[in-house]
Amino acid sequence: SNGNVVLSNDAAGVAPRLQMMFKGLGTGGE
């Protein structure tokens, strides 16, 4: 739902988590 690439054999959710982190850098005053 966030537009992230997800994979059926990525049970832990590594790929979407990395995408969200990189999308977040520089936002929210971090």
ModelCIF file with pLDDT and N, C-alpha, C, O atoms, coordinates in Angstrom:
data_MODEL
#
_entry.id   MODEL 
#
_entity.id                         1 
_entity.type                       polymer 
_entity.pdbx_number_of_molecules   1 
#
_entity_poly.entity_id                      1 
_entity_poly.type                           'polypeptide(L)' 
_entity_poly.nstd_linkage                   no 
_entity_poly.nstd_monomer                   no 
_entity_poly.pdbx_seq_one_letter_code       SNGNVVLSNDAAGVAPRLQMMFKGLGTGGE 
_entity_poly.pdbx_seq_one_letter_code_can   SNGNVVLSNDAAGVAPRLQMMFKGLGTGGE 
_entity_poly.pdbx_strand_id                 A 
#
loop_
_entity_poly_seq.entity_id 
_entity_poly_seq.num 
_entity_poly_seq.mon_id 
_entity_poly_seq.hetero 
1 1  SER n 
1 2  ASN n 
1 3  GLY n 
1 4  ASN n 
1 5  VAL n 
1 6  VAL n 
1 7  LEU n 
1 8  SER n 
1 9  ASN n 
1 10 ASP n 
1 11 ALA n 
1 12 ALA n 
1 13 GLY n 
1 14 VAL n 
1 15 ALA n 
1 16 PRO n 
1 17 ARG n 
1 18 LEU n 
1 19 GLN n 
1 20 MET n 
1 21 MET n 
1 22 PHE n 
1 23 LYS n 
1 24 GLY n 
1 25 LEU n 
1 26 GLY n 
1 27 THR n 
1 28 GLY n 
1 29 GLY n 
1 30 GLU n 
#
_struct_asym.id          A 
_struct_asym.entity_id   1 
#
loop_
_ma_qa_metric.id 
_ma_qa_metric.mode 
_ma_qa_metric.name 
_ma_qa_metric.software_group_id 
_ma_qa_metric.type 
1 global pLDDT . pLDDT 
2 local  pLDDT . pLDDT 
#
_ma_qa_metric_global.metric_id      1 
_ma_qa_metric_global.metric_value   97.83 
_ma_qa_metric_global.model_id       1 
_ma_qa_metric_global.ordinal_id     1 
#
loop_
_ma_qa_metric_local.label_asym_id 
_ma_qa_metric_local.label_comp_id 
_ma_qa_metric_local.label_seq_id 
_ma_qa_metric_local.metric_id 
_ma_qa_metric_local.metric_value 
_ma_qa_metric_local.model_id 
_ma_qa_metric_local.ordinal_id 
A SER 1  2 97.00 1 1  
A ASN 2  2 97.00 1 2  
A GLY 3  2 98.00 1 3  
A ASN 4  2 98.00 1 4  
A VAL 5  2 98.00 1 5  
A VAL 6  2 98.00 1 6  
A LEU 7  2 98.00 1 7  
A SER 8  2 98.00 1 8  
A ASN 9  2 98.00 1 9  
A ASP 10 2 98.00 1 10 
A ALA 11 2 98.00 1 11 
A ALA 12 2 98.00 1 12 
A GLY 13 2 98.00 1 13 
A VAL 14 2 98.00 1 14 
A ALA 15 2 98.00 1 15 
A PRO 16 2 98.00 1 16 
A ARG 17 2 98.00 1 17 
A LEU 18 2 98.00 1 18 
A GLN 19 2 98.00 1 19 
A MET 20 2 98.00 1 20 
A MET 21 2 98.00 1 21 
A PHE 22 2 98.00 1 22 
A LYS 23 2 98.00 1 23 
A GLY 24 2 98.00 1 24 
A LEU 25 2 98.00 1 25 
A GLY 26 2 98.00 1 26 
A THR 27 2 98.00 1 27 
A GLY 28 2 97.00 1 28 
A GLY 29 2 96.00 1 29 
A GLU 30 2 98.00 1 30 
#
loop_
_atom_site.group_PDB 
_atom_site.id 
_atom_site.type_symbol 
_atom_site.label_atom_id 
_atom_site.label_alt_id 
_atom_site.label_comp_id 
_atom_site.label_asym_id 
_atom_site.label_entity_id 
_atom_site.label_seq_id 
_atom_site.pdbx_PDB_ins_code 
_atom_site.Cartn_x 
_atom_site.Cartn_y 
_atom_site.Cartn_z 
_atom_site.occupancy 
_atom_site.B_iso_or_equiv 
_atom_site.pdbx_formal_charge 
_atom_site.auth_seq_id 
_atom_site.auth_comp_id 
_atom_site.auth_asym_id 
_atom_site.auth_atom_id 
_atom_site.pdbx_PDB_model_num 
ATOM 1   N N  . SER A 1 1  ? 0.803  -1.216  0.000  1.00 97.00 ? 1  SER A N  1 
ATOM 2   C CA . SER A 1 1  ? 0.000  0.000   0.000  1.00 97.00 ? 1  SER A CA 1 
ATOM 3   C C  . SER A 1 1  ? 0.836  1.267   0.000  1.00 97.00 ? 1  SER A C  1 
ATOM 4   O O  . SER A 1 1  ? 0.321  2.346   -0.294 1.00 97.00 ? 1  SER A O  1 
ATOM 5   N N  . ASN A 1 2  ? 2.121  1.155   0.326  1.00 97.00 ? 2  ASN A N  1 
ATOM 6   C CA . ASN A 1 2  ? 3.023  2.305   0.308  1.00 97.00 ? 2  ASN A CA 1 
ATOM 7   C C  . ASN A 1 2  ? 3.811  2.418   -0.990 1.00 97.00 ? 2  ASN A C  1 
ATOM 8   O O  . ASN A 1 2  ? 4.689  3.271   -1.121 1.00 97.00 ? 2  ASN A O  1 
ATOM 9   N N  . GLY A 1 3  ? 3.492  1.550   -1.952 1.00 98.00 ? 3  GLY A N  1 
ATOM 10  C CA . GLY A 1 3  ? 4.191  1.577   -3.228 1.00 98.00 ? 3  GLY A CA 1 
ATOM 11  C C  . GLY A 1 3  ? 5.537  0.889   -3.209 1.00 98.00 ? 3  GLY A C  1 
ATOM 12  O O  . GLY A 1 3  ? 6.322  1.039   -4.145 1.00 98.00 ? 3  GLY A O  1 
ATOM 13  N N  . ASN A 1 4  ? 5.817  0.136   -2.158 1.00 98.00 ? 4  ASN A N  1 
ATOM 14  C CA . ASN A 1 4  ? 7.095  -0.571  -2.050 1.00 98.00 ? 4  ASN A CA 1 
ATOM 15  C C  . ASN A 1 4  ? 7.050  -1.903  -2.788 1.00 98.00 ? 4  ASN A C  1 
ATOM 16  O O  . ASN A 1 4  ? 6.015  -2.569  -2.818 1.00 98.00 ? 4  ASN A O  1 
ATOM 17  N N  . VAL A 1 5  ? 8.156  -2.280  -3.373 1.00 98.00 ? 5  VAL A N  1 
ATOM 18  C CA . VAL A 1 5  ? 8.290  -3.612  -3.953 1.00 98.00 ? 5  VAL A CA 1 
ATOM 19  C C  . VAL A 1 5  ? 8.332  -4.628  -2.816 1.00 98.00 ? 5  VAL A C  1 
ATOM 20  O O  . VAL A 1 5  ? 9.123  -4.479  -1.884 1.00 98.00 ? 5  VAL A O  1 
ATOM 21  N N  . VAL A 1 6  ? 7.507  -5.638  -2.880 1.00 98.00 ? 6  VAL A N  1 
ATOM 22  C CA . VAL A 1 6  ? 7.489  -6.714  -1.888 1.00 98.00 ? 6  VAL A CA 1 
ATOM 23  C C  . VAL A 1 6  ? 7.696  -8.036  -2.612 1.00 98.00 ? 6  VAL A C  1 
ATOM 24  O O  . VAL A 1 6  ? 7.330  -8.177  -3.779 1.00 98.00 ? 6  VAL A O  1 
ATOM 25  N N  . LEU A 1 7  ? 8.285  -9.006  -1.911 1.00 98.00 ? 7  LEU A N  1 
ATOM 26  C CA . LEU A 1 7  ? 8.641  -10.295 -2.505 1.00 98.00 ? 7  LEU A CA 1 
ATOM 27  C C  . LEU A 1 7  ? 8.040  -11.431 -1.690 1.00 98.00 ? 7  LEU A C  1 
ATOM 28  O O  . LEU A 1 7  ? 7.986  -11.360 -0.462 1.00 98.00 ? 7  LEU A O  1 
ATOM 29  N N  . SER A 1 8  ? 7.596  -12.464 -2.364 1.00 98.00 ? 8  SER A N  1 
ATOM 30  C CA . SER A 1 8  ? 6.905  -13.561 -1.681 1.00 98.00 ? 8  SER A CA 1 
ATOM 31  C C  . SER A 1 8  ? 7.826  -14.363 -0.775 1.00 98.00 ? 8  SER A C  1 
ATOM 32  O O  . SER A 1 8  ? 7.357  -14.971 0.187  1.00 98.00 ? 8  SER A O  1 
ATOM 33  N N  . ASN A 1 9  ? 9.126  -14.380 -1.058 1.00 98.00 ? 9  ASN A N  1 
ATOM 34  C CA . ASN A 1 9  ? 10.067 -15.123 -0.218 1.00 98.00 ? 9  ASN A CA 1 
ATOM 35  C C  . ASN A 1 9  ? 10.864 -14.219 0.718  1.00 98.00 ? 9  ASN A C  1 
ATOM 36  O O  . ASN A 1 9  ? 11.958 -14.571 1.160  1.00 98.00 ? 9  ASN A O  1 
ATOM 37  N N  . ASP A 1 10 ? 10.310 -13.072 1.006  1.00 98.00 ? 10 ASP A N  1 
ATOM 38  C CA . ASP A 1 10 ? 10.915 -12.127 1.950  1.00 98.00 ? 10 ASP A CA 1 
ATOM 39  C C  . ASP A 1 10 ? 10.053 -12.098 3.199  1.00 98.00 ? 10 ASP A C  1 
ATOM 40  O O  . ASP A 1 10 ? 9.395  -11.098 3.489  1.00 98.00 ? 10 ASP A O  1 
ATOM 41  N N  . ALA A 1 11 ? 10.060 -13.207 3.941  1.00 98.00 ? 11 ALA A N  1 
ATOM 42  C CA . ALA A 1 11 ? 9.150  -13.356 5.082  1.00 98.00 ? 11 ALA A CA 1 
ATOM 43  C C  . ALA A 1 11 ? 9.356  -12.283 6.138  1.00 98.00 ? 11 ALA A C  1 
ATOM 44  O O  . ALA A 1 11 ? 8.398  -11.852 6.780  1.00 98.00 ? 11 ALA A O  1 
ATOM 45  N N  . ALA A 1 12 ? 10.590 -11.852 6.323  1.00 98.00 ? 12 ALA A N  1 
ATOM 46  C CA . ALA A 1 12 ? 10.875 -10.850 7.350  1.00 98.00 ? 12 ALA A CA 1 
ATOM 47  C C  . ALA A 1 12 ? 10.497 -9.437  6.917  1.00 98.00 ? 12 ALA A C  1 
ATOM 48  O O  . ALA A 1 12 ? 10.352 -8.549  7.758  1.00 98.00 ? 12 ALA A O  1 
ATOM 49  N N  . GLY A 1 13 ? 10.336 -9.223  5.606  1.00 98.00 ? 13 GLY A N  1 
ATOM 50  C CA . GLY A 1 13 ? 9.995  -7.891  5.115  1.00 98.00 ? 13 GLY A CA 1 
ATOM 51  C C  . GLY A 1 13 ? 11.192 -6.962  4.999  1.00 98.00 ? 13 GLY A C  1 
ATOM 52  O O  . GLY A 1 13 ? 11.068 -5.761  5.242  1.00 98.00 ? 13 GLY A O  1 
ATOM 53  N N  . VAL A 1 14 ? 12.348 -7.499  4.632  1.00 98.00 ? 14 VAL A N  1 
ATOM 54  C CA . VAL A 1 14 ? 13.561 -6.693  4.515  1.00 98.00 ? 14 VAL A CA 1 
ATOM 55  C C  . VAL A 1 14 ? 13.438 -5.645  3.414  1.00 98.00 ? 14 VAL A C  1 
ATOM 56  O O  . VAL A 1 14 ? 13.762 -4.478  3.633  1.00 98.00 ? 14 VAL A O  1 
ATOM 57  N N  . ALA A 1 15 ? 12.973 -6.049  2.234  1.00 98.00 ? 15 ALA A N  1 
ATOM 58  C CA . ALA A 1 15 ? 12.933 -5.131  1.090  1.00 98.00 ? 15 ALA A CA 1 
ATOM 59  C C  . ALA A 1 15 ? 12.050 -3.915  1.359  1.00 98.00 ? 15 ALA A C  1 
ATOM 60  O O  . ALA A 1 15 ? 12.511 -2.794  1.147  1.00 98.00 ? 15 ALA A O  1 
ATOM 61  N N  . PRO A 1 16 ? 10.810 -4.074  1.812  1.00 98.00 ? 16 PRO A N  1 
ATOM 62  C CA . PRO A 1 16 ? 10.006 -2.875  2.067  1.00 98.00 ? 16 PRO A CA 1 
ATOM 63  C C  . PRO A 1 16 ? 10.542 -2.025  3.213  1.00 98.00 ? 16 PRO A C  1 
ATOM 64  O O  . PRO A 1 16 ? 10.391 -0.804  3.197  1.00 98.00 ? 16 PRO A O  1 
ATOM 65  N N  . ARG A 1 17 ? 11.160 -2.649  4.200  1.00 98.00 ? 17 ARG A N  1 
ATOM 66  C CA . ARG A 1 17 ? 11.711 -1.873  5.307  1.00 98.00 ? 17 ARG A CA 1 
ATOM 67  C C  . ARG A 1 17 ? 12.848 -0.974  4.833  1.00 98.00 ? 17 ARG A C  1 
ATOM 68  O O  . ARG A 1 17 ? 12.940 0.182   5.246  1.00 98.00 ? 17 ARG A O  1 
ATOM 69  N N  . LEU A 1 18 ? 13.705 -1.495  3.976  1.00 98.00 ? 18 LEU A N  1 
ATOM 70  C CA . LEU A 1 18 ? 14.788 -0.680  3.433  1.00 98.00 ? 18 LEU A CA 1 
ATOM 71  C C  . LEU A 1 18 ? 14.238 0.463   2.592  1.00 98.00 ? 18 LEU A C  1 
ATOM 72  O O  . LEU A 1 18 ? 14.731 1.588   2.668  1.00 98.00 ? 18 LEU A O  1 
ATOM 73  N N  . GLN A 1 19 ? 13.217 0.175   1.791  1.00 98.00 ? 19 GLN A N  1 
ATOM 74  C CA . GLN A 1 19 ? 12.630 1.227   0.959  1.00 98.00 ? 19 GLN A CA 1 
ATOM 75  C C  . GLN A 1 19 ? 12.037 2.336   1.819  1.00 98.00 ? 19 GLN A C  1 
ATOM 76  O O  . GLN A 1 19 ? 12.207 3.517   1.515  1.00 98.00 ? 19 GLN A O  1 
ATOM 77  N N  . MET A 1 20 ? 11.352 1.968   2.874  1.00 98.00 ? 20 MET A N  1 
ATOM 78  C CA . MET A 1 20 ? 10.745 2.975   3.750  1.00 98.00 ? 20 MET A CA 1 
ATOM 79  C C  . MET A 1 20 ? 11.810 3.810   4.452  1.00 98.00 ? 20 MET A C  1 
ATOM 80  O O  . MET A 1 20 ? 11.650 5.022   4.591  1.00 98.00 ? 20 MET A O  1 
ATOM 81  N N  . MET A 1 21 ? 12.898 3.177   4.897  1.00 98.00 ? 21 MET A N  1 
ATOM 82  C CA . MET A 1 21 ? 13.959 3.937   5.559  1.00 98.00 ? 21 MET A CA 1 
ATOM 83  C C  . MET A 1 21 ? 14.560 4.966   4.612  1.00 98.00 ? 21 MET A C  1 
ATOM 84  O O  . MET A 1 21 ? 14.752 6.121   4.991  1.00 98.00 ? 21 MET A O  1 
ATOM 85  N N  . PHE A 1 22 ? 14.855 4.555   3.390  1.00 98.00 ? 22 PHE A N  1 
ATOM 86  C CA . PHE A 1 22 ? 15.458 5.490   2.447  1.00 98.00 ? 22 PHE A CA 1 
ATOM 87  C C  . PHE A 1 22 ? 14.481 6.589   2.034  1.00 98.00 ? 22 PHE A C  1 
ATOM 88  O O  . PHE A 1 22 ? 14.896 7.718   1.774  1.00 98.00 ? 22 PHE A O  1 
ATOM 89  N N  . LYS A 1 23 ? 13.202 6.271   1.971  1.00 98.00 ? 23 LYS A N  1 
ATOM 90  C CA . LYS A 1 23 ? 12.207 7.308   1.690  1.00 98.00 ? 23 LYS A CA 1 
ATOM 91  C C  . LYS A 1 23 ? 12.103 8.299   2.852  1.00 98.00 ? 23 LYS A C  1 
ATOM 92  O O  . LYS A 1 23 ? 11.762 9.465   2.654  1.00 98.00 ? 23 LYS A O  1 
ATOM 93  N N  . GLY A 1 24 ? 12.400 7.826   4.059  1.00 98.00 ? 24 GLY A N  1 
ATOM 94  C CA . GLY A 1 24 ? 12.252 8.668   5.244  1.00 98.00 ? 24 GLY A CA 1 
ATOM 95  C C  . GLY A 1 24 ? 13.416 9.602   5.503  1.00 98.00 ? 24 GLY A C  1 
ATOM 96  O O  . GLY A 1 24 ? 13.235 10.635  6.148  1.00 98.00 ? 24 GLY A O  1 
ATOM 97  N N  . LEU A 1 25 ? 14.612 9.272   5.019  1.00 98.00 ? 25 LEU A N  1 
ATOM 98  C CA . LEU A 1 25 ? 15.771 10.118  5.285  1.00 98.00 ? 25 LEU A CA 1 
ATOM 99  C C  . LEU A 1 25 ? 15.526 11.540  4.780  1.00 98.00 ? 25 LEU A C  1 
ATOM 100 O O  . LEU A 1 25 ? 15.060 11.743  3.659  1.00 98.00 ? 25 LEU A O  1 
ATOM 101 N N  . GLY A 1 26 ? 15.847 12.513  5.623  1.00 98.00 ? 26 GLY A N  1 
ATOM 102 C CA . GLY A 1 26 ? 15.673 13.907  5.252  1.00 98.00 ? 26 GLY A CA 1 
ATOM 103 C C  . GLY A 1 26 ? 14.271 14.439  5.464  1.00 98.00 ? 26 GLY A C  1 
ATOM 104 O O  . GLY A 1 26 ? 13.986 15.581  5.103  1.00 98.00 ? 26 GLY A O  1 
ATOM 105 N N  . THR A 1 27 ? 13.374 13.626  6.051  1.00 98.00 ? 27 THR A N  1 
ATOM 106 C CA . THR A 1 27 ? 11.997 14.067  6.287  1.00 98.00 ? 27 THR A CA 1 
ATOM 107 C C  . THR A 1 27 ? 11.698 14.088  7.783  1.00 98.00 ? 27 THR A C  1 
ATOM 108 O O  . THR A 1 27 ? 12.395 13.458  8.578  1.00 98.00 ? 27 THR A O  1 
ATOM 109 N N  . GLY A 1 28 ? 10.660 14.817  8.147  1.00 97.00 ? 28 GLY A N  1 
ATOM 110 C CA . GLY A 1 28 ? 10.231 14.861  9.541  1.00 97.00 ? 28 GLY A CA 1 
ATOM 111 C C  . GLY A 1 28 ? 11.222 15.546  10.459 1.00 97.00 ? 28 GLY A C  1 
ATOM 112 O O  . GLY A 1 28 ? 11.148 15.389  11.678 1.00 97.00 ? 28 GLY A O  1 
ATOM 113 N N  . GLY A 1 29 ? 12.151 16.307  9.892  1.00 96.00 ? 29 GLY A N  1 
ATOM 114 C CA . GLY A 1 29 ? 13.136 17.006  10.718 1.00 96.00 ? 29 GLY A CA 1 
ATOM 115 C C  . GLY A 1 29 ? 14.192 16.109  11.321 1.00 96.00 ? 29 GLY A C  1 
ATOM 116 O O  . GLY A 1 29 ? 14.848 16.497  12.287 1.00 96.00 ? 29 GLY A O  1 
ATOM 117 N N  . GLU A 1 30 ? 14.374 14.901  10.768 1.00 98.00 ? 30 GLU A N  1 
ATOM 118 C CA . GLU A 1 30 ? 15.374 13.995  11.353 1.00 98.00 ? 30 GLU A CA 1 
ATOM 119 C C  . GLU A 1 30 ? 16.767 14.607  11.234 1.00 98.00 ? 30 GLU A C  1 
ATOM 120 O O  . GLU A 1 30 ? 17.747 14.002  11.667 1.00 98.00 ? 30 GLU A O  1 
#
